[in-house]
């Protein structure tokens, strides 16, 4: 069967959007998941990824927080990409050029290039380097004529709202304690994040749940560990499994080798000698599809399967606005 031309064009456009690069920018205010527009701003997306892949945005700060006045004048932005945590300038690559318009606008949640001025006091579109900013509100009227957008935040807007409210030095746009970027890495899907730590349950089966901990790997500052406790019922018997696996920040799925523990009873009847451990019980693949949802699949001595999970708890101070 031959598909209509209009449908083929729609499918092609969808495929292009699906290939847009994703970047996780992990900050001390929470994660920002950024989708770059490789179709309408290819040079700017490539330039941003150049800095990401080289680690130039790791351990840097957001040096500028600009807020609109009570009357609505000005702009709401959080700007970074200029300085490291020590105050040293980010080591820049050769500048690239861009043009306007590119079909994108400085609306809420977009990321754009912060540009120096040329000799006429206008934004220099030939001097694109490491600096960028996030639009925390609609700044299109003020910025679209000179500052090109190249992507958007697909998760973490609530974290930008909190950054925008950060205390500043009197009369300045410099934060007293600049928001900090721990790392920026490419990702291929929604990544495993520290905020996934907590209790998760299966709505389809009462009594099945998981306790998940996402923690820093003490032996590798660039890595993390995923600890999982799984409680369930099988053939009328309570079942406990647990496991741990290391992974790199930005990973979207981790397979955890699981062991089953059985035989012990809680309370005064507990006898350590009754505990039996099956070390090769199977494995559990952990994948989070968002902040509040997950897909866990397993291969085990009991067979194979998968669960669609929802979260019960959230770490204190974390925001989960998808």
C-alpha atoms as a PDB file:
ATOM      1  CA  UNK A   1       0.000   0.000   0.000  1.00  0.00           C
ATOM      2  CA  UNK A   2       1.360   3.411  -0.970  1.00  0.00           C
ATOM      3  CA  UNK A   3       1.007   6.142   1.643  1.00  0.00           C
ATOM      4  CA  UNK A   4      -0.282   9.598   0.633  1.00  0.00           C
ATOM      5  CA  UNK A   5       2.408  12.240   0.067  1.00  0.00           C
ATOM      6  CA  UNK A   6       1.117  14.420   2.927  1.00  0.00           C
ATOM      7  CA  UNK A   7       1.406  11.501   5.363  1.00  0.00           C
ATOM      8  CA  UNK A   8       4.932  10.695   4.200  1.00  0.00           C
ATOM      9  CA  UNK A   9       5.964  14.301   4.801  1.00  0.00           C
ATOM     10  CA  UNK A  10       4.408  14.232   8.279  1.00  0.00           C
ATOM     11  CA  UNK A  11       6.243  11.026   9.173  1.00  0.00           C
ATOM     12  CA  UNK A  12       9.528  12.473   7.914  1.00  0.00           C
ATOM     13  CA  UNK A  13       9.079  15.625   9.996  1.00  0.00           C
ATOM     14  CA  UNK A  14       8.289  13.541  13.069  1.00  0.00           C
ATOM     15  CA  UNK A  15      11.443  11.470  12.543  1.00  0.00           C
ATOM     16  CA  UNK A  16      13.588  14.609  12.384  1.00  0.00           C
ATOM     17  CA  UNK A  17      12.139  15.904  15.642  1.00  0.00           C
ATOM     18  CA  UNK A  18      12.688  12.524  17.267  1.00  0.00           C
ATOM     19  CA  UNK A  19      16.398  12.796  16.445  1.00  0.00           C
ATOM     20  CA  UNK A  20      16.830  16.151  18.183  1.00  0.00           C
ATOM     21  CA  UNK A  21      19.715  15.889  20.690  1.00  0.00           C
ATOM     22  CA  UNK A  22      18.927  15.882  24.409  1.00  0.00           C
ATOM     23  CA  UNK A  23      21.193  17.318  27.105  1.00  0.00           C
ATOM     24  CA  UNK A  24      20.918  16.866  30.851  1.00  0.00           C
ATOM     25  CA  UNK A  25      22.130  19.910  32.768  1.00  0.00           C
ATOM     26  CA  UNK A  26      22.281  18.838  36.409  1.00  0.00           C
ATOM     27  CA  UNK A  27      22.192  21.836  38.758  1.00  0.00           C
ATOM     28  CA  UNK A  28      22.037  22.348  42.518  1.00  0.00           C
ATOM     29  CA  UNK A  29      18.471  23.590  41.959  1.00  0.00           C
ATOM     30  CA  UNK A  30      17.495  20.372  40.205  1.00  0.00           C
ATOM     31  CA  UNK A  31      17.847  18.898  36.702  1.00  0.00           C
ATOM     32  CA  UNK A  32      17.153  20.626  33.402  1.00  0.00           C
ATOM     33  CA  UNK A  33      16.477  18.378  30.406  1.00  0.00           C
ATOM     34  CA  UNK A  34      17.071  20.332  27.201  1.00  0.00           C
ATOM     35  CA  UNK A  35      15.986  19.408  23.676  1.00  0.00           C
ATOM     36  CA  UNK A  36      18.113  21.120  21.018  1.00  0.00           C
ATOM     37  CA  UNK A  37      16.510  22.072  17.708  1.00  0.00           C
ATOM     38  CA  UNK A  38      18.930  20.526  15.234  1.00  0.00           C
ATOM     39  CA  UNK A  39      16.568  21.230  12.333  1.00  0.00           C
ATOM     40  CA  UNK A  40      16.037  24.986  12.670  1.00  0.00           C
ATOM     41  CA  UNK A  41      19.222  25.925  14.548  1.00  0.00           C
ATOM     42  CA  UNK A  42      21.811  23.300  13.486  1.00  0.00           C
ATOM     43  CA  UNK A  43      24.940  25.437  13.943  1.00  0.00           C
ATOM     44  CA  UNK A  44      23.886  26.619  17.404  1.00  0.00           C
ATOM     45  CA  UNK A  45      22.898  23.129  18.518  1.00  0.00           C
ATOM     46  CA  UNK A  46      26.227  21.754  17.308  1.00  0.00           C
ATOM     47  CA  UNK A  47      28.121  24.567  19.052  1.00  0.00           C
ATOM     48  CA  UNK A  48      26.333  23.890  22.361  1.00  0.00           C
ATOM     49  CA  UNK A  49      27.052  20.154  22.076  1.00  0.00           C
ATOM     50  CA  UNK A  50      30.718  20.944  21.416  1.00  0.00           C
ATOM     51  CA  UNK A  51      30.950  22.528  24.871  1.00  0.00           C
ATOM     52  CA  UNK A  52      28.854  19.764  26.466  1.00  0.00           C
ATOM     53  CA  UNK A  53      30.965  16.946  25.028  1.00  0.00           C
ATOM     54  CA  UNK A  54      34.186  18.681  26.080  1.00  0.00           C
ATOM     55  CA  UNK A  55      32.913  19.065  29.653  1.00  0.00           C
ATOM     56  CA  UNK A  56      33.193  22.860  29.469  1.00  0.00           C
ATOM     57  CA  UNK A  57      29.845  23.386  31.254  1.00  0.00           C
ATOM     58  CA  UNK A  58      30.716  21.050  34.150  1.00  0.00           C
ATOM     59  CA  UNK A  59      31.188  22.838  37.483  1.00  0.00           C
ATOM     60  CA  UNK A  60      30.113  26.214  36.116  1.00  0.00           C
ATOM     61  CA  UNK A  61      27.635  28.807  37.372  1.00  0.00           C
ATOM     62  CA  UNK A  62      24.665  30.872  36.251  1.00  0.00           C
ATOM     63  CA  UNK A  63      26.197  34.310  36.627  1.00  0.00           C
ATOM     64  CA  UNK A  64      23.182  36.453  35.739  1.00  0.00           C
ATOM     65  CA  UNK A  65      19.561  36.499  36.895  1.00  0.00           C
ATOM     66  CA  UNK A  66      17.454  39.228  35.245  1.00  0.00           C
ATOM     67  CA  UNK A  67      13.873  39.810  36.416  1.00  0.00           C
ATOM     68  CA  UNK A  68      11.063  41.945  35.108  1.00  0.00           C
ATOM     69  CA  UNK A  69       9.959  44.885  37.206  1.00  0.00           C
ATOM     70  CA  UNK A  70       6.650  44.930  39.038  1.00  0.00           C
ATOM     71  CA  UNK A  71       5.292  46.917  36.086  1.00  0.00           C
ATOM     72  CA  UNK A  72       6.361  44.185  33.634  1.00  0.00           C
ATOM     73  CA  UNK A  73       9.339  45.977  32.106  1.00  0.00           C
ATOM     74  CA  UNK A  74      12.534  44.083  31.324  1.00  0.00           C
ATOM     75  CA  UNK A  75      13.138  40.364  30.835  1.00  0.00           C
ATOM     76  CA  UNK A  76      13.102  37.174  32.912  1.00  0.00           C
ATOM     77  CA  UNK A  77      16.217  35.142  32.156  1.00  0.00           C
ATOM     78  CA  UNK A  78      18.797  32.955  33.875  1.00  0.00           C
ATOM     79  CA  UNK A  79      22.155  33.201  32.086  1.00  0.00           C
ATOM     80  CA  UNK A  80      25.126  30.844  32.221  1.00  0.00           C
ATOM     81  CA  UNK A  81      27.975  29.524  30.141  1.00  0.00           C
ATOM     82  CA  UNK A  82      30.369  32.293  31.093  1.00  0.00           C
ATOM     83  CA  UNK A  83      32.264  31.277  34.235  1.00  0.00           C
ATOM     84  CA  UNK A  84      33.417  28.264  36.204  1.00  0.00           C
ATOM     85  CA  UNK A  85      32.756  27.811  39.923  1.00  0.00           C
ATOM     86  CA  UNK A  86      36.096  29.528  40.672  1.00  0.00           C
ATOM     87  CA  UNK A  87      35.114  32.643  38.720  1.00  0.00           C
ATOM     88  CA  UNK A  88      37.452  31.876  35.808  1.00  0.00           C
ATOM     89  CA  UNK A  89      36.048  32.353  32.294  1.00  0.00           C
ATOM     90  CA  UNK A  90      34.966  29.168  30.527  1.00  0.00           C
ATOM     91  CA  UNK A  91      37.593  28.147  27.995  1.00  0.00           C
ATOM     92  CA  UNK A  92      36.016  29.049  24.665  1.00  0.00           C
ATOM     93  CA  UNK A  93      36.270  27.420  21.260  1.00  0.00           C
ATOM     94  CA  UNK A  94      36.408  29.468  18.067  1.00  0.00           C
ATOM     95  CA  UNK A  95      33.276  31.528  17.617  1.00  0.00           C
ATOM     96  CA  UNK A  96      30.582  30.534  15.114  1.00  0.00           C
ATOM     97  CA  UNK A  97      28.059  32.606  13.203  1.00  0.00           C
ATOM     98  CA  UNK A  98      24.295  32.435  12.960  1.00  0.00           C
ATOM     99  CA  UNK A  99      21.425  34.286  11.307  1.00  0.00           C
ATOM    100  CA  UNK A 100      17.967  35.498  12.206  1.00  0.00           C
ATOM    101  CA  UNK A 101      15.134  34.690  11.999  1.00  0.00           C
ATOM    102  CA  UNK A 102      15.317  30.920  12.368  1.00  0.00           C
ATOM    103  CA  UNK A 103      11.663  30.208  13.138  1.00  0.00           C
ATOM    104  CA  UNK A 104      12.188  30.012  16.904  1.00  0.00           C
ATOM    105  CA  UNK A 105      11.117  32.546  19.517  1.00  0.00           C
ATOM    106  CA  UNK A 106      12.243  33.591  23.001  1.00  0.00           C
ATOM    107  CA  UNK A 107       9.189  32.143  24.722  1.00  0.00           C
ATOM    108  CA  UNK A 108       9.057  30.601  28.196  1.00  0.00           C
ATOM    109  CA  UNK A 109      11.308  27.576  28.609  1.00  0.00           C
ATOM    110  CA  UNK A 110      13.532  28.136  25.565  1.00  0.00           C
ATOM    111  CA  UNK A 111      17.334  28.335  25.540  1.00  0.00           C
ATOM    112  CA  UNK A 112      19.058  31.009  23.447  1.00  0.00           C
ATOM    113  CA  UNK A 113      22.496  32.417  22.706  1.00  0.00           C
ATOM    114  CA  UNK A 114      23.846  35.236  24.876  1.00  0.00           C
ATOM    115  CA  UNK A 115      25.805  37.482  22.507  1.00  0.00           C
ATOM    116  CA  UNK A 116      28.295  40.331  22.939  1.00  0.00           C
ATOM    117  CA  UNK A 117      27.572  43.655  21.235  1.00  0.00           C
ATOM    118  CA  UNK A 118      29.162  44.707  17.947  1.00  0.00           C
ATOM    119  CA  UNK A 119      30.560  48.173  17.172  1.00  0.00           C
ATOM    120  CA  UNK A 120      27.033  49.508  16.698  1.00  0.00           C
ATOM    121  CA  UNK A 121      25.899  48.239  20.083  1.00  0.00           C
ATOM    122  CA  UNK A 122      23.818  45.454  18.521  1.00  0.00           C
ATOM    123  CA  UNK A 123      24.057  41.708  19.267  1.00  0.00           C
ATOM    124  CA  UNK A 124      26.969  40.267  17.290  1.00  0.00           C
ATOM    125  CA  UNK A 125      25.590  37.240  15.432  1.00  0.00           C
ATOM    126  CA  UNK A 126      29.138  36.351  14.340  1.00  0.00           C
ATOM    127  CA  UNK A 127      30.401  35.870  17.894  1.00  0.00           C
ATOM    128  CA  UNK A 128      28.534  32.819  19.196  1.00  0.00           C
ATOM    129  CA  UNK A 129      30.576  31.076  21.883  1.00  0.00           C
ATOM    130  CA  UNK A 130      29.726  29.399  25.192  1.00  0.00           C
ATOM    131  CA  UNK A 131      27.247  31.844  26.754  1.00  0.00           C
ATOM    132  CA  UNK A 132      23.536  31.000  26.818  1.00  0.00           C
ATOM    133  CA  UNK A 133      20.393  31.880  28.741  1.00  0.00           C
ATOM    134  CA  UNK A 134      17.030  30.359  29.573  1.00  0.00           C
ATOM    135  CA  UNK A 135      13.839  32.343  29.065  1.00  0.00           C
ATOM    136  CA  UNK A 136      11.827  31.965  32.278  1.00  0.00           C
ATOM    137  CA  UNK A 137       8.913  33.936  30.822  1.00  0.00           C
ATOM    138  CA  UNK A 138       7.878  35.089  27.339  1.00  0.00           C
ATOM    139  CA  UNK A 139      10.628  37.534  26.278  1.00  0.00           C
ATOM    140  CA  UNK A 140       9.917  37.329  22.552  1.00  0.00           C
ATOM    141  CA  UNK A 141       9.045  41.011  22.088  1.00  0.00           C
ATOM    142  CA  UNK A 142      12.321  42.142  23.663  1.00  0.00           C
ATOM    143  CA  UNK A 143      14.767  39.514  22.391  1.00  0.00           C
ATOM    144  CA  UNK A 144      13.616  37.926  19.114  1.00  0.00           C
ATOM    145  CA  UNK A 145      15.193  40.628  16.954  1.00  0.00           C
ATOM    146  CA  UNK A 146      18.726  39.937  18.170  1.00  0.00           C
ATOM    147  CA  UNK A 147      19.093  36.735  20.154  1.00  0.00           C
ATOM    148  CA  UNK A 148      18.547  33.359  18.462  1.00  0.00           C
ATOM    149  CA  UNK A 149      16.873  30.439  20.220  1.00  0.00           C
ATOM    150  CA  UNK A 150      18.223  26.915  19.651  1.00  0.00           C
ATOM    151  CA  UNK A 151      16.227  24.633  21.965  1.00  0.00           C
ATOM    152  CA  UNK A 152      13.805  24.263  24.833  1.00  0.00           C
ATOM    153  CA  UNK A 153      13.568  22.816  28.339  1.00  0.00           C
ATOM    154  CA  UNK A 154      11.392  19.697  28.286  1.00  0.00           C
ATOM    155  CA  UNK A 155      11.747  19.014  32.018  1.00  0.00           C
ATOM    156  CA  UNK A 156      12.769  21.290  34.878  1.00  0.00           C
ATOM    157  CA  UNK A 157      10.873  24.540  34.275  1.00  0.00           C
ATOM    158  CA  UNK A 158       9.935  24.623  37.960  1.00  0.00           C
ATOM    159  CA  UNK A 159      13.651  24.610  38.801  1.00  0.00           C
ATOM    160  CA  UNK A 160      14.194  27.629  36.536  1.00  0.00           C
ATOM    161  CA  UNK A 161      11.393  29.458  38.355  1.00  0.00           C
ATOM    162  CA  UNK A 162      13.215  28.966  41.650  1.00  0.00           C
ATOM    163  CA  UNK A 163      16.525  30.086  40.128  1.00  0.00           C
ATOM    164  CA  UNK A 164      14.874  33.265  38.894  1.00  0.00           C
ATOM    165  CA  UNK A 165      13.941  34.127  42.474  1.00  0.00           C
ATOM    166  CA  UNK A 166      17.518  33.695  43.763  1.00  0.00           C
ATOM    167  CA  UNK A 167      18.689  36.632  45.952  1.00  0.00           C
ATOM    168  CA  UNK A 168      20.871  39.155  44.109  1.00  0.00           C
ATOM    169  CA  UNK A 169      23.293  41.857  45.134  1.00  0.00           C
ATOM    170  CA  UNK A 170      21.487  45.156  45.578  1.00  0.00           C
ATOM    171  CA  UNK A 171      21.016  46.970  42.284  1.00  0.00           C
ATOM    172  CA  UNK A 172      22.665  44.175  40.275  1.00  0.00           C
ATOM    173  CA  UNK A 173      21.718  41.083  38.294  1.00  0.00           C
ATOM    174  CA  UNK A 174      24.441  38.968  39.918  1.00  0.00           C
ATOM    175  CA  UNK A 175      23.154  36.273  42.290  1.00  0.00           C
ATOM    176  CA  UNK A 176      24.633  36.301  45.775  1.00  0.00           C
ATOM    177  CA  UNK A 177      25.062  32.526  45.528  1.00  0.00           C
ATOM    178  CA  UNK A 178      25.068  31.698  41.815  1.00  0.00           C
ATOM    179  CA  UNK A 179      23.167  28.551  40.827  1.00  0.00           C
ATOM    180  CA  UNK A 180      25.679  25.793  40.166  1.00  0.00           C
ATOM    181  CA  UNK A 181      25.919  23.367  37.220  1.00  0.00           C
ATOM    182  CA  UNK A 182      27.320  20.063  38.440  1.00  0.00           C
ATOM    183  CA  UNK A 183      27.503  18.513  34.999  1.00  0.00           C
ATOM    184  CA  UNK A 184      26.082  18.677  31.473  1.00  0.00           C
ATOM    185  CA  UNK A 185      25.895  15.453  29.439  1.00  0.00           C
ATOM    186  CA  UNK A 186      24.182  14.139  26.339  1.00  0.00           C
ATOM    187  CA  UNK A 187      21.339  11.713  26.961  1.00  0.00           C
ATOM    188  CA  UNK A 188      19.282   9.515  24.653  1.00  0.00           C
ATOM    189  CA  UNK A 189      16.069   9.482  26.710  1.00  0.00           C
ATOM    190  CA  UNK A 190      14.769  10.615  30.086  1.00  0.00           C
ATOM    191  CA  UNK A 191      17.811   9.946  32.321  1.00  0.00           C
ATOM    192  CA  UNK A 192      18.043   8.347  35.742  1.00  0.00           C
ATOM    193  CA  UNK A 193      18.183  11.218  38.228  1.00  0.00           C
ATOM    194  CA  UNK A 194      18.771  11.690  41.931  1.00  0.00           C
ATOM    195  CA  UNK A 195      15.140  12.786  42.246  1.00  0.00           C
ATOM    196  CA  UNK A 196      14.058   9.251  41.291  1.00  0.00           C
ATOM    197  CA  UNK A 197      15.104   8.192  44.779  1.00  0.00           C
ATOM    198  CA  UNK A 198      12.019   7.102  46.725  1.00  0.00           C
ATOM    199  CA  UNK A 199       9.221   4.554  46.932  1.00  0.00           C
ATOM    200  CA  UNK A 200       7.554   3.244  43.754  1.00  0.00           C
ATOM    201  CA  UNK A 201       4.489   1.008  43.389  1.00  0.00           C
ATOM    202  CA  UNK A 202       2.614  -1.021  40.807  1.00  0.00           C
ATOM    203  CA  UNK A 203      -1.018   0.194  40.477  1.00  0.00           C
ATOM    204  CA  UNK A 204      -1.925  -3.136  38.854  1.00  0.00           C
ATOM    205  CA  UNK A 205      -0.901  -5.223  41.877  1.00  0.00           C
ATOM    206  CA  UNK A 206      -1.319  -4.122  45.514  1.00  0.00           C
ATOM    207  CA  UNK A 207       1.550  -5.420  47.607  1.00  0.00           C
ATOM    208  CA  UNK A 208       4.216  -4.962  44.935  1.00  0.00           C
ATOM    209  CA  UNK A 209       6.620  -2.092  45.345  1.00  0.00           C
ATOM    210  CA  UNK A 210      10.182  -0.893  45.027  1.00  0.00           C
ATOM    211  CA  UNK A 211      12.469   1.259  47.120  1.00  0.00           C
ATOM    212  CA  UNK A 212      14.992   3.029  44.892  1.00  0.00           C
ATOM    213  CA  UNK A 213      18.102   4.978  45.838  1.00  0.00           C
ATOM    214  CA  UNK A 214      20.159   6.926  43.301  1.00  0.00           C
ATOM    215  CA  UNK A 215      23.446   7.958  44.897  1.00  0.00           C
ATOM    216  CA  UNK A 216      26.918   9.206  44.084  1.00  0.00           C
ATOM    217  CA  UNK A 217      29.457   6.451  43.520  1.00  0.00           C
ATOM    218  CA  UNK A 218      32.015   6.956  46.339  1.00  0.00           C
ATOM    219  CA  UNK A 219      34.735   5.463  44.139  1.00  0.00           C
ATOM    220  CA  UNK A 220      33.982   7.499  41.013  1.00  0.00           C
ATOM    221  CA  UNK A 221      33.004  11.177  41.121  1.00  0.00           C
ATOM    222  CA  UNK A 222      31.663  10.958  37.563  1.00  0.00           C
ATOM    223  CA  UNK A 223      29.545   7.896  38.285  1.00  0.00           C
ATOM    224  CA  UNK A 224      26.527   6.870  40.323  1.00  0.00           C
ATOM    225  CA  UNK A 225      25.006   3.805  41.941  1.00  0.00           C
ATOM    226  CA  UNK A 226      21.472   2.507  41.778  1.00  0.00           C
ATOM    227  CA  UNK A 227      20.247   0.518  44.794  1.00  0.00           C
ATOM    228  CA  UNK A 228      16.903  -1.312  44.466  1.00  0.00           C
ATOM    229  CA  UNK A 229      14.800  -3.205  47.036  1.00  0.00           C
ATOM    230  CA  UNK A 230      11.851  -5.118  45.589  1.00  0.00           C
ATOM    231  CA  UNK A 231       9.047  -6.501  47.753  1.00  0.00           C
ATOM    232  CA  UNK A 232       6.323  -8.726  46.297  1.00  0.00           C
ATOM    233  CA  UNK A 233       4.128 -11.792  46.799  1.00  0.00           C
ATOM    234  CA  UNK A 234       4.541 -15.052  44.917  1.00  0.00           C
ATOM    235  CA  UNK A 235       2.324 -18.120  45.441  1.00  0.00           C
ATOM    236  CA  UNK A 236       1.088 -16.655  48.716  1.00  0.00           C
ATOM    237  CA  UNK A 237       4.602 -16.062  50.034  1.00  0.00           C
ATOM    238  CA  UNK A 238       6.278 -12.739  50.763  1.00  0.00           C
ATOM    239  CA  UNK A 239       9.303 -12.227  48.531  1.00  0.00           C
ATOM    240  CA  UNK A 240      12.192  -9.775  48.932  1.00  0.00           C
ATOM    241  CA  UNK A 241      14.847  -9.026  46.310  1.00  0.00           C
ATOM    242  CA  UNK A 242      17.654  -6.495  46.308  1.00  0.00           C
ATOM    243  CA  UNK A 243      20.542  -5.405  44.130  1.00  0.00           C
ATOM    244  CA  UNK A 244      22.979  -2.612  43.252  1.00  0.00           C
ATOM    245  CA  UNK A 245      24.625  -1.491  40.013  1.00  0.00           C
ATOM    246  CA  UNK A 246      26.936   1.333  38.969  1.00  0.00           C
ATOM    247  CA  UNK A 247      26.137   3.617  36.029  1.00  0.00           C
ATOM    248  CA  UNK A 248      27.234   6.876  34.426  1.00  0.00           C
ATOM    249  CA  UNK A 249      25.216  10.062  34.936  1.00  0.00           C
ATOM    250  CA  UNK A 250      22.955  10.594  31.944  1.00  0.00           C
ATOM    251  CA  UNK A 251      22.190   6.891  31.482  1.00  0.00           C
ATOM    252  CA  UNK A 252      18.525   6.170  30.764  1.00  0.00           C
ATOM    253  CA  UNK A 253      18.385   2.486  31.761  1.00  0.00           C
ATOM    254  CA  UNK A 254      20.365   0.275  34.142  1.00  0.00           C
ATOM    255  CA  UNK A 255      20.261  -3.507  34.517  1.00  0.00           C
ATOM    256  CA  UNK A 256      20.680  -4.514  38.159  1.00  0.00           C
ATOM    257  CA  UNK A 257      21.635  -8.088  39.167  1.00  0.00           C
ATOM    258  CA  UNK A 258      19.145  -9.101  41.866  1.00  0.00           C
ATOM    259  CA  UNK A 259      19.352 -11.574  44.724  1.00  0.00           C
ATOM    260  CA  UNK A 260      16.422 -13.063  46.613  1.00  0.00           C
ATOM    261  CA  UNK A 261      16.353 -13.239  50.400  1.00  0.00           C
ATOM    262  CA  UNK A 262      13.934 -15.510  52.256  1.00  0.00           C
ATOM    263  CA  UNK A 263      13.434 -17.511  55.444  1.00  0.00           C
ATOM    264  CA  UNK A 264      13.911 -14.929  58.187  1.00  0.00           C
ATOM    265  CA  UNK A 265      11.093 -13.533  60.327  1.00  0.00           C
ATOM    266  CA  UNK A 266      10.936 -10.018  61.746  1.00  0.00           C
ATOM    267  CA  UNK A 267      10.690  -9.382  65.471  1.00  0.00           C
ATOM    268  CA  UNK A 268      11.685 -11.654  68.373  1.00  0.00           C
ATOM    269  CA  UNK A 269      11.476 -14.724  66.132  1.00  0.00           C
ATOM    270  CA  UNK A 270      14.326 -13.561  63.888  1.00  0.00           C
ATOM    271  CA  UNK A 271      17.158 -16.060  63.512  1.00  0.00           C
ATOM    272  CA  UNK A 272      19.976 -15.163  61.098  1.00  0.00           C
ATOM    273  CA  UNK A 273      20.606 -18.800  60.331  1.00  0.00           C
ATOM    274  CA  UNK A 274      17.165 -19.114  58.753  1.00  0.00           C
ATOM    275  CA  UNK A 275      17.920 -16.520  56.081  1.00  0.00           C
ATOM    276  CA  UNK A 276      18.489 -17.974  52.614  1.00  0.00           C
ATOM    277  CA  UNK A 277      19.941 -15.964  49.746  1.00  0.00           C
ATOM    278  CA  UNK A 278      19.654 -16.808  46.067  1.00  0.00           C
ATOM    279  CA  UNK A 279      22.452 -14.761  44.537  1.00  0.00           C
ATOM    280  CA  UNK A 280      21.634 -15.586  40.906  1.00  0.00           C
ATOM    281  CA  UNK A 281      17.889 -14.987  41.112  1.00  0.00           C
ATOM    282  CA  UNK A 282      17.874 -12.782  37.982  1.00  0.00           C
ATOM    283  CA  UNK A 283      18.141  -9.168  36.857  1.00  0.00           C
ATOM    284  CA  UNK A 284      15.964  -6.065  36.855  1.00  0.00           C
ATOM    285  CA  UNK A 285      16.196  -3.372  34.181  1.00  0.00           C
ATOM    286  CA  UNK A 286      15.245   0.035  35.555  1.00  0.00           C
ATOM    287  CA  UNK A 287      14.009   2.776  33.219  1.00  0.00           C
ATOM    288  CA  UNK A 288      12.231   5.991  34.208  1.00  0.00           C
ATOM    289  CA  UNK A 289       9.920   7.477  31.581  1.00  0.00           C
ATOM    290  CA  UNK A 290       9.525  10.752  33.454  1.00  0.00           C
ATOM    291  CA  UNK A 291       9.690  12.121  36.959  1.00  0.00           C
ATOM    292  CA  UNK A 292       6.588  10.259  38.159  1.00  0.00           C
ATOM    293  CA  UNK A 293       6.520   7.136  35.956  1.00  0.00           C
ATOM    294  CA  UNK A 294       8.781   4.170  35.318  1.00  0.00           C
ATOM    295  CA  UNK A 295       9.034   0.887  33.443  1.00  0.00           C
ATOM    296  CA  UNK A 296      10.821  -1.948  35.259  1.00  0.00           C
ATOM    297  CA  UNK A 297      11.382  -5.274  33.465  1.00  0.00           C
ATOM    298  CA  UNK A 298      12.911  -8.468  34.822  1.00  0.00           C
ATOM    299  CA  UNK A 299      14.397 -11.778  33.801  1.00  0.00           C
ATOM    300  CA  UNK A 300      14.412 -14.290  36.637  1.00  0.00           C
ATOM    301  CA  UNK A 301      13.944 -17.783  37.974  1.00  0.00           C
ATOM    302  CA  UNK A 302      10.217 -16.925  38.194  1.00  0.00           C
ATOM    303  CA  UNK A 303      10.066 -15.998  34.520  1.00  0.00           C
ATOM    304  CA  UNK A 304      10.142 -12.694  32.670  1.00  0.00           C
ATOM    305  CA  UNK A 305       7.884  -9.652  32.868  1.00  0.00           C
ATOM    306  CA  UNK A 306       7.538  -5.895  33.176  1.00  0.00           C
ATOM    307  CA  UNK A 307       5.710  -3.358  35.321  1.00  0.00           C
ATOM    308  CA  UNK A 308       4.454   0.194  34.743  1.00  0.00           C
ATOM    309  CA  UNK A 309       5.195   1.965  38.020  1.00  0.00           C
ATOM    310  CA  UNK A 310       4.249   5.231  39.708  1.00  0.00           C
ATOM    311  CA  UNK A 311       6.056   7.011  42.486  1.00  0.00           C
ATOM    312  CA  UNK A 312       4.863   7.324  46.089  1.00  0.00           C
ATOM    313  CA  UNK A 313       7.504   9.634  47.573  1.00  0.00           C
ATOM    314  CA  UNK A 314       9.782  12.453  46.427  1.00  0.00           C
ATOM    315  CA  UNK A 315      13.073  13.591  48.011  1.00  0.00           C
ATOM    316  CA  UNK A 316      12.746  16.679  50.193  1.00  0.00           C
ATOM    317  CA  UNK A 317      13.323  19.868  48.216  1.00  0.00           C
ATOM    318  CA  UNK A 318      12.878  18.201  44.823  1.00  0.00           C
ATOM    319  CA  UNK A 319      10.357  19.334  42.209  1.00  0.00           C
ATOM    320  CA  UNK A 320       8.576  16.919  39.899  1.00  0.00           C
ATOM    321  CA  UNK A 321       6.706  19.116  37.427  1.00  0.00           C
ATOM    322  CA  UNK A 322       6.870  17.309  34.086  1.00  0.00           C
END
